[in-house]
Amino acid sequence: MSLAGFGRAELGAMLVGLRPKLYRYAARMAGSAIEGEDIVQEAVVKALAAYD
């Protein structure tokens, strides 16, 4: 997937759409829903910061 031509708003919208799947995956990998939420939140923050 290429991010060329994406603005921050489009990237944010894409991440919002992926969030439920990311939460489920991270929760399974971490063994805890709360840990999964923390992992995804940190990853999204880092992704948005790196995009800038």
Protein backbone atom coordinates (compact mmCIF):
# COMPACT_ATOMS: atom_id res chain seq x y z
CA MET A 1 0.00 0.00 0.00
CA SER A 2 1.44 3.35 -1.01
CA LEU A 3 0.89 6.50 1.02
CA ALA A 4 1.86 8.77 -1.87
CA GLY A 5 -0.76 11.48 -2.21
CA PHE A 6 -2.23 10.79 1.22
CA GLY A 7 -2.73 13.68 3.56
CA ARG A 8 -2.79 13.36 7.32
CA ALA A 9 -6.61 13.25 7.27
CA GLU A 10 -6.65 10.36 4.79
CA LEU A 11 -4.05 8.46 6.80
CA GLY A 12 -6.08 9.03 9.97
CA ALA A 13 -9.25 7.80 8.27
CA MET A 14 -7.45 4.69 7.04
CA LEU A 15 -6.15 3.95 10.53
CA VAL A 16 -9.61 4.43 12.05
CA GLY A 17 -10.96 1.86 9.60
CA LEU A 18 -8.21 -0.61 10.48
CA ARG A 19 -8.39 -0.05 14.23
CA PRO A 20 -10.83 -2.88 15.12
CA LYS A 21 -8.72 -5.48 13.31
CA LEU A 22 -5.53 -4.07 14.80
CA TYR A 23 -7.02 -4.17 18.32
CA ARG A 24 -8.11 -7.79 17.94
CA TYR A 25 -4.73 -8.84 16.57
CA ALA A 26 -2.75 -6.97 19.23
CA ALA A 27 -5.00 -8.28 22.02
CA ARG A 28 -4.45 -11.87 20.87
CA MET A 29 -0.71 -11.37 20.60
CA ALA A 30 -0.44 -9.61 23.98
CA GLY A 31 -2.90 -11.90 25.75
CA SER A 32 -4.90 -8.94 27.08
CA ALA A 33 -7.40 -6.54 25.55
CA ILE A 34 -6.01 -3.65 27.58
CA GLU A 35 -2.44 -4.38 26.49
CA GLY A 36 -3.66 -4.67 22.90
CA GLU A 37 -5.29 -1.24 23.08
CA ASP A 38 -2.08 0.27 24.47
CA ILE A 39 0.02 -1.33 21.73
CA VAL A 40 -2.25 -0.08 18.96
CA GLN A 41 -2.48 3.41 20.43
CA GLU A 42 1.31 3.67 20.65
CA ALA A 43 1.71 2.37 17.10
CA VAL A 44 -0.82 4.85 15.70
CA VAL A 45 0.83 7.77 17.50
CA LYS A 46 4.24 6.71 16.14
CA ALA A 47 2.84 6.26 12.62
CA LEU A 48 1.28 9.72 12.61
CA ALA A 49 4.44 11.30 14.06
CA ALA A 50 6.62 9.58 11.46
CA TYR A 51 4.29 10.71 8.69
CA ASP A 52 4.83 14.37 9.58
